[in-house]
Amino acid sequence: MTAAHPTRGTILLAHGSRDPLWHRPVEAVAERIRQLAPSNEVRCAYMEMSTPDLAASTDELVHLGISIITIVPMFLGIGKHAREDIPVLLARLIAAYPQVTFDLRPAIGEDAQIIELMARIALS
């Protein structure tokens, strides 16, 4: 029996940095997603100073046959990228890939679970 071809993908969209060590936490989250949901294709993408960017990661998933892409902004604060830049990039993706359903999640720092976890870590 062969496994079904994945139709879902996740892009972890982070700020980016010239320092390669900065990427480790985002890549660790991607690896954990692969362990938890092997049928879900996951990619990292970066707003600046790093590659790949959101367009390149999306293109890669689409070429794998992915038809549903969840974009998770890996931002603690809701700055200009989350408020202004990401919606513009998403509009471009929707225009370029009308066959794909995009699900843009709120920035990770807005999630009550993350806030709770950071508080617990700070208190530990």
N, C-alpha and C. Protein backbone atom coordinates (compact mmCIF):
# COMPACT_ATOMS: atom_id res chain seq x y z
N MET A 1 0.85 -1.18 0.00
CA MET A 1 0.00 0.00 0.00
C MET A 1 0.89 1.24 0.00
N THR A 2 0.61 2.19 -0.88
CA THR A 2 1.40 3.41 -0.95
C THR A 2 0.71 4.53 -0.19
N ALA A 3 1.52 5.40 0.37
CA ALA A 3 0.96 6.53 1.13
C ALA A 3 0.35 7.53 0.15
N ALA A 4 -0.72 8.15 0.58
CA ALA A 4 -1.36 9.18 -0.24
C ALA A 4 -0.43 10.37 -0.38
N HIS A 5 -0.50 10.99 -1.54
CA HIS A 5 0.32 12.18 -1.78
C HIS A 5 -0.21 13.31 -0.90
N PRO A 6 0.68 14.01 -0.19
CA PRO A 6 0.20 15.08 0.69
C PRO A 6 -0.44 16.21 -0.12
N THR A 7 -1.51 16.77 0.45
CA THR A 7 -2.16 17.91 -0.18
C THR A 7 -2.00 19.15 0.68
N ARG A 8 -1.52 18.98 1.91
CA ARG A 8 -1.36 20.09 2.84
C ARG A 8 0.10 20.42 3.07
N GLY A 9 0.34 21.71 3.22
CA GLY A 9 1.68 22.16 3.53
C GLY A 9 1.65 23.30 4.52
N THR A 10 2.74 23.46 5.22
CA THR A 10 2.88 24.53 6.20
C THR A 10 4.16 25.30 5.91
N ILE A 11 4.06 26.62 5.94
CA ILE A 11 5.24 27.46 5.80
C ILE A 11 5.41 28.24 7.10
N LEU A 12 6.55 28.06 7.73
CA LEU A 12 6.91 28.84 8.92
C LEU A 12 7.63 30.08 8.43
N LEU A 13 6.98 31.21 8.54
CA LEU A 13 7.52 32.46 8.00
C LEU A 13 8.13 33.29 9.12
N ALA A 14 9.45 33.44 9.06
CA ALA A 14 10.18 34.16 10.10
C ALA A 14 10.86 35.39 9.50
N HIS A 15 11.44 36.20 10.36
CA HIS A 15 12.07 37.44 9.93
C HIS A 15 13.28 37.18 9.05
N GLY A 16 14.22 36.40 9.55
CA GLY A 16 15.46 36.15 8.83
C GLY A 16 16.63 36.84 9.50
N SER A 17 17.83 36.33 9.21
CA SER A 17 19.05 36.89 9.79
C SER A 17 20.24 36.44 8.96
N ARG A 18 21.28 37.23 8.98
CA ARG A 18 22.53 36.81 8.33
C ARG A 18 23.24 35.73 9.13
N ASP A 19 22.94 35.65 10.40
CA ASP A 19 23.58 34.68 11.30
C ASP A 19 22.91 33.32 11.14
N PRO A 20 23.62 32.31 10.66
CA PRO A 20 23.00 31.00 10.45
C PRO A 20 22.47 30.36 11.74
N LEU A 21 23.06 30.70 12.88
CA LEU A 21 22.58 30.13 14.14
C LEU A 21 21.17 30.63 14.48
N TRP A 22 20.81 31.80 13.99
CA TRP A 22 19.49 32.37 14.26
C TRP A 22 18.39 31.47 13.72
N HIS A 23 18.65 30.74 12.64
CA HIS A 23 17.64 29.91 11.99
C HIS A 23 17.30 28.64 12.77
N ARG A 24 18.15 28.24 13.68
CA ARG A 24 17.97 26.95 14.37
C ARG A 24 16.60 26.77 15.02
N PRO A 25 16.07 27.73 15.78
CA PRO A 25 14.76 27.49 16.40
C PRO A 25 13.63 27.28 15.38
N VAL A 26 13.65 28.05 14.31
CA VAL A 26 12.60 27.90 13.29
C VAL A 26 12.73 26.54 12.61
N GLU A 27 13.95 26.15 12.30
CA GLU A 27 14.19 24.85 11.68
C GLU A 27 13.83 23.71 12.63
N ALA A 28 14.03 23.92 13.94
CA ALA A 28 13.65 22.91 14.93
C ALA A 28 12.14 22.73 14.96
N VAL A 29 11.40 23.83 14.86
CA VAL A 29 9.93 23.74 14.80
C VAL A 29 9.52 22.97 13.55
N ALA A 30 10.15 23.26 12.43
CA ALA A 30 9.84 22.55 11.19
C ALA A 30 10.10 21.05 11.34
N GLU A 31 11.20 20.71 11.94
CA GLU A 31 11.52 19.29 12.14
C GLU A 31 10.50 18.62 13.06
N ARG A 32 10.09 19.32 14.09
CA ARG A 32 9.09 18.75 15.01
C ARG A 32 7.76 18.55 14.29
N ILE A 33 7.38 19.47 13.42
CA ILE A 33 6.17 19.29 12.62
C ILE A 33 6.29 18.04 11.75
N ARG A 34 7.45 17.83 11.15
CA ARG A 34 7.67 16.64 10.32
C ARG A 34 7.49 15.37 11.14
N GLN A 35 7.93 15.39 12.39
CA GLN A 35 7.77 14.22 13.27
C GLN A 35 6.31 14.01 13.65
N LEU A 36 5.62 15.11 13.96
CA LEU A 36 4.23 15.01 14.41
C LEU A 36 3.25 14.72 13.29
N ALA A 37 3.55 15.23 12.09
CA ALA A 37 2.61 15.10 10.97
C ALA A 37 3.40 14.83 9.69
N PRO A 38 3.91 13.61 9.53
CA PRO A 38 4.77 13.32 8.38
C PRO A 38 4.09 13.53 7.03
N SER A 39 2.78 13.51 6.98
CA SER A 39 2.08 13.70 5.70
C SER A 39 1.93 15.19 5.35
N ASN A 40 2.33 16.07 6.24
CA ASN A 40 2.24 17.51 6.01
C ASN A 40 3.62 18.02 5.58
N GLU A 41 3.70 18.54 4.37
CA GLU A 41 4.97 19.11 3.92
C GLU A 41 5.19 20.44 4.66
N VAL A 42 6.39 20.65 5.15
CA VAL A 42 6.68 21.89 5.88
C VAL A 42 7.94 22.52 5.32
N ARG A 43 7.91 23.85 5.24
CA ARG A 43 9.05 24.62 4.76
C ARG A 43 9.22 25.84 5.65
N CYS A 44 10.45 26.33 5.72
CA CYS A 44 10.74 27.60 6.37
C CYS A 44 10.88 28.65 5.27
N ALA A 45 10.50 29.87 5.59
CA ALA A 45 10.66 31.00 4.68
C ALA A 45 11.00 32.22 5.52
N TYR A 46 11.62 33.20 4.87
CA TYR A 46 12.11 34.35 5.61
C TYR A 46 11.76 35.64 4.89
N MET A 47 11.48 36.67 5.66
CA MET A 47 11.11 37.97 5.13
C MET A 47 12.31 38.70 4.52
N GLU A 48 13.46 38.58 5.16
CA GLU A 48 14.65 39.30 4.69
C GLU A 48 15.91 38.66 5.23
N MET A 49 17.02 38.96 4.59
CA MET A 49 18.36 38.54 5.00
C MET A 49 18.60 37.04 4.95
N SER A 50 17.63 36.26 4.54
CA SER A 50 17.76 34.80 4.49
C SER A 50 16.96 34.27 3.31
N THR A 51 17.30 33.09 2.91
CA THR A 51 16.53 32.41 1.88
C THR A 51 16.11 31.05 2.40
N PRO A 52 15.03 30.52 1.88
CA PRO A 52 14.18 31.03 0.81
C PRO A 52 13.18 32.06 1.33
N ASP A 53 12.62 32.83 0.41
CA ASP A 53 11.56 33.75 0.79
C ASP A 53 10.20 33.04 0.67
N LEU A 54 9.13 33.74 1.00
CA LEU A 54 7.80 33.14 1.00
C LEU A 54 7.40 32.66 -0.39
N ALA A 55 7.70 33.44 -1.42
CA ALA A 55 7.34 33.05 -2.78
C ALA A 55 8.03 31.76 -3.19
N ALA A 56 9.32 31.64 -2.89
CA ALA A 56 10.07 30.44 -3.27
C ALA A 56 9.56 29.20 -2.54
N SER A 57 9.29 29.32 -1.25
CA SER A 57 8.78 28.18 -0.49
C SER A 57 7.39 27.77 -0.98
N THR A 58 6.57 28.76 -1.28
CA THR A 58 5.24 28.46 -1.81
C THR A 58 5.35 27.75 -3.15
N ASP A 59 6.20 28.26 -4.03
CA ASP A 59 6.39 27.65 -5.34
C ASP A 59 6.84 26.20 -5.21
N GLU A 60 7.72 25.93 -4.28
CA GLU A 60 8.19 24.56 -4.06
C GLU A 60 7.04 23.65 -3.64
N LEU A 61 6.21 24.12 -2.72
CA LEU A 61 5.08 23.30 -2.27
C LEU A 61 4.07 23.07 -3.39
N VAL A 62 3.78 24.12 -4.14
CA VAL A 62 2.82 23.99 -5.25
C VAL A 62 3.33 22.97 -6.26
N HIS A 63 4.63 23.00 -6.55
CA HIS A 63 5.19 22.03 -7.50
C HIS A 63 5.19 20.61 -6.97
N LEU A 64 5.01 20.44 -5.67
CA LEU A 64 4.85 19.10 -5.08
C LEU A 64 3.39 18.65 -5.13
N GLY A 65 2.51 19.53 -5.61
CA GLY A 65 1.09 19.18 -5.68
C GLY A 65 0.28 19.59 -4.47
N ILE A 66 0.87 20.43 -3.61
CA ILE A 66 0.16 20.89 -2.41
C ILE A 66 -0.92 21.87 -2.83
N SER A 67 -2.14 21.66 -2.29
CA SER A 67 -3.26 22.53 -2.66
C SER A 67 -3.80 23.36 -1.49
N ILE A 68 -3.31 23.07 -0.28
CA ILE A 68 -3.70 23.83 0.91
C ILE A 68 -2.42 24.19 1.66
N ILE A 69 -2.17 25.49 1.81
CA ILE A 69 -0.94 25.95 2.46
C ILE A 69 -1.29 26.85 3.63
N THR A 70 -0.82 26.46 4.80
CA THR A 70 -0.96 27.26 6.01
C THR A 70 0.33 28.05 6.20
N ILE A 71 0.20 29.35 6.37
CA ILE A 71 1.35 30.21 6.61
C ILE A 71 1.31 30.65 8.07
N VAL A 72 2.37 30.33 8.80
CA VAL A 72 2.44 30.65 10.23
C VAL A 72 3.53 31.69 10.44
N PRO A 73 3.15 32.95 10.67
CA PRO A 73 4.16 33.97 10.97
C PRO A 73 4.80 33.70 12.33
N MET A 74 6.10 33.45 12.33
CA MET A 74 6.82 33.11 13.55
C MET A 74 7.36 34.39 14.21
N PHE A 75 6.44 35.30 14.49
CA PHE A 75 6.78 36.58 15.08
C PHE A 75 6.16 36.68 16.46
N LEU A 76 6.93 37.15 17.45
CA LEU A 76 6.37 37.38 18.78
C LEU A 76 5.60 38.68 18.81
N GLY A 77 6.13 39.71 18.19
CA GLY A 77 5.46 41.00 18.14
C GLY A 77 4.75 41.20 16.82
N ILE A 78 3.80 42.09 16.84
CA ILE A 78 3.01 42.37 15.65
C ILE A 78 3.53 43.66 15.03
N GLY A 79 4.65 43.55 14.36
CA GLY A 79 5.28 44.71 13.74
C GLY A 79 4.84 44.89 12.30
N LYS A 80 5.60 45.69 11.59
CA LYS A 80 5.27 46.04 10.20
C LYS A 80 5.17 44.82 9.30
N HIS A 81 6.06 43.85 9.47
CA HIS A 81 5.98 42.65 8.62
C HIS A 81 4.63 41.96 8.79
N ALA A 82 4.23 41.74 10.03
CA ALA A 82 2.96 41.03 10.27
C ALA A 82 1.75 41.86 9.86
N ARG A 83 1.78 43.15 10.14
CA ARG A 83 0.62 44.01 9.85
C ARG A 83 0.49 44.38 8.38
N GLU A 84 1.62 44.68 7.74
CA GLU A 84 1.56 45.26 6.40
C GLU A 84 2.17 44.38 5.31
N ASP A 85 3.37 43.88 5.54
CA ASP A 85 4.09 43.18 4.47
C ASP A 85 3.49 41.81 4.14
N ILE A 86 3.17 41.03 5.15
CA ILE A 86 2.66 39.68 4.89
C ILE A 86 1.33 39.71 4.13
N PRO A 87 0.37 40.57 4.48
CA PRO A 87 -0.86 40.61 3.68
C PRO A 87 -0.62 40.93 2.20
N VAL A 88 0.34 41.80 1.92
CA VAL A 88 0.67 42.12 0.52
C VAL A 88 1.25 40.90 -0.18
N LEU A 89 2.18 40.21 0.49
CA LEU A 89 2.77 39.00 -0.08
C LEU A 89 1.71 37.93 -0.30
N LEU A 90 0.80 37.80 0.65
CA LEU A 90 -0.27 36.80 0.52
C LEU A 90 -1.17 37.12 -0.68
N ALA A 91 -1.51 38.37 -0.88
CA ALA A 91 -2.34 38.75 -2.03
C ALA A 91 -1.66 38.36 -3.33
N ARG A 92 -0.36 38.52 -3.41
CA ARG A 92 0.40 38.12 -4.61
C ARG A 92 0.34 36.61 -4.81
N LEU A 93 0.46 35.86 -3.72
CA LEU A 93 0.41 34.40 -3.82
C LEU A 93 -0.96 33.93 -4.28
N ILE A 94 -2.01 34.54 -3.74
CA ILE A 94 -3.37 34.17 -4.13
C ILE A 94 -3.58 34.43 -5.62
N ALA A 95 -3.06 35.54 -6.12
CA ALA A 95 -3.17 35.85 -7.55
C ALA A 95 -2.36 34.88 -8.40
N ALA A 96 -1.18 34.50 -7.92
CA ALA A 96 -0.30 33.62 -8.69
C ALA A 96 -0.76 32.17 -8.68
N TYR A 97 -1.43 31.76 -7.59
CA TYR A 97 -1.84 30.36 -7.42
C TYR A 97 -3.31 30.28 -7.04
N PRO A 98 -4.21 30.59 -7.97
CA PRO A 98 -5.64 30.59 -7.63
C PRO A 98 -6.17 29.20 -7.26
N GLN A 99 -5.45 28.16 -7.63
CA GLN A 99 -5.88 26.80 -7.33
C GLN A 99 -5.53 26.37 -5.90
N VAL A 100 -4.78 27.20 -5.19
CA VAL A 100 -4.31 26.87 -3.85
C VAL A 100 -5.14 27.63 -2.82
N THR A 101 -5.49 26.94 -1.75
CA THR A 101 -6.15 27.57 -0.60
C THR A 101 -5.08 27.96 0.40
N PHE A 102 -5.04 29.24 0.75
CA PHE A 102 -4.07 29.74 1.72
C PHE A 102 -4.77 30.04 3.04
N ASP A 103 -4.13 29.66 4.13
CA ASP A 103 -4.63 29.92 5.47
C ASP A 103 -3.54 30.69 6.22
N LEU A 104 -3.70 31.99 6.34
CA LEU A 104 -2.73 32.82 7.07
C LEU A 104 -3.13 32.86 8.53
N ARG A 105 -2.28 32.34 9.36
CA ARG A 105 -2.52 32.32 10.81
C ARG A 105 -2.05 33.63 11.43
N PRO A 106 -2.56 33.95 12.61
CA PRO A 106 -2.03 35.12 13.33
C PRO A 106 -0.57 34.87 13.72
N ALA A 107 0.15 35.94 13.98
CA ALA A 107 1.53 35.80 14.45
C ALA A 107 1.55 34.92 15.69
N ILE A 108 2.54 34.06 15.77
CA ILE A 108 2.63 33.07 16.84
C ILE A 108 2.61 33.70 18.23
N GLY A 109 3.12 34.93 18.35
CA GLY A 109 3.14 35.62 19.64
C GLY A 109 1.78 36.03 20.14
N GLU A 110 0.76 35.97 19.29
CA GLU A 110 -0.61 36.29 19.70
C GLU A 110 -1.33 35.09 20.32
N ASP A 111 -0.76 33.90 20.18
CA ASP A 111 -1.42 32.69 20.65
C ASP A 111 -1.32 32.56 22.17
N ALA A 112 -2.45 32.35 22.81
CA ALA A 112 -2.49 32.23 24.27
C ALA A 112 -1.59 31.11 24.78
N GLN A 113 -1.45 30.04 24.02
CA GLN A 113 -0.59 28.93 24.44
C GLN A 113 0.87 29.35 24.48
N ILE A 114 1.29 30.16 23.53
CA ILE A 114 2.67 30.64 23.50
C ILE A 114 2.92 31.60 24.66
N ILE A 115 1.98 32.48 24.90
CA ILE A 115 2.11 33.43 26.01
C ILE A 115 2.21 32.67 27.33
N GLU A 116 1.36 31.68 27.51
CA GLU A 116 1.40 30.86 28.73
C GLU A 116 2.74 30.13 28.87
N LEU A 117 3.21 29.54 27.78
CA LEU A 117 4.46 28.80 27.82
C LEU A 117 5.64 29.73 28.13
N MET A 118 5.67 30.91 27.51
CA MET A 118 6.76 31.84 27.79
C MET A 118 6.72 32.30 29.24
N ALA A 119 5.55 32.53 29.78
CA ALA A 119 5.45 32.91 31.20
C ALA A 119 5.98 31.80 32.10
N ARG A 120 5.61 30.58 31.79
CA ARG A 120 6.07 29.44 32.60
C ARG A 120 7.59 29.28 32.52
N ILE A 121 8.14 29.45 31.32
CA ILE A 121 9.59 29.37 31.15
C ILE A 121 10.27 30.49 31.94
N ALA A 122 9.72 31.68 31.88
CA ALA A 122 10.30 32.81 32.61
C ALA A 122 10.28 32.57 34.11
N LEU A 123 9.26 31.90 34.60
CA LEU A 123 9.14 31.63 36.04
C LEU A 123 9.91 30.40 36.50
N SER A 124 10.36 29.58 35.57
CA SER A 124 11.01 28.33 35.98
C SER A 124 12.45 28.55 36.45
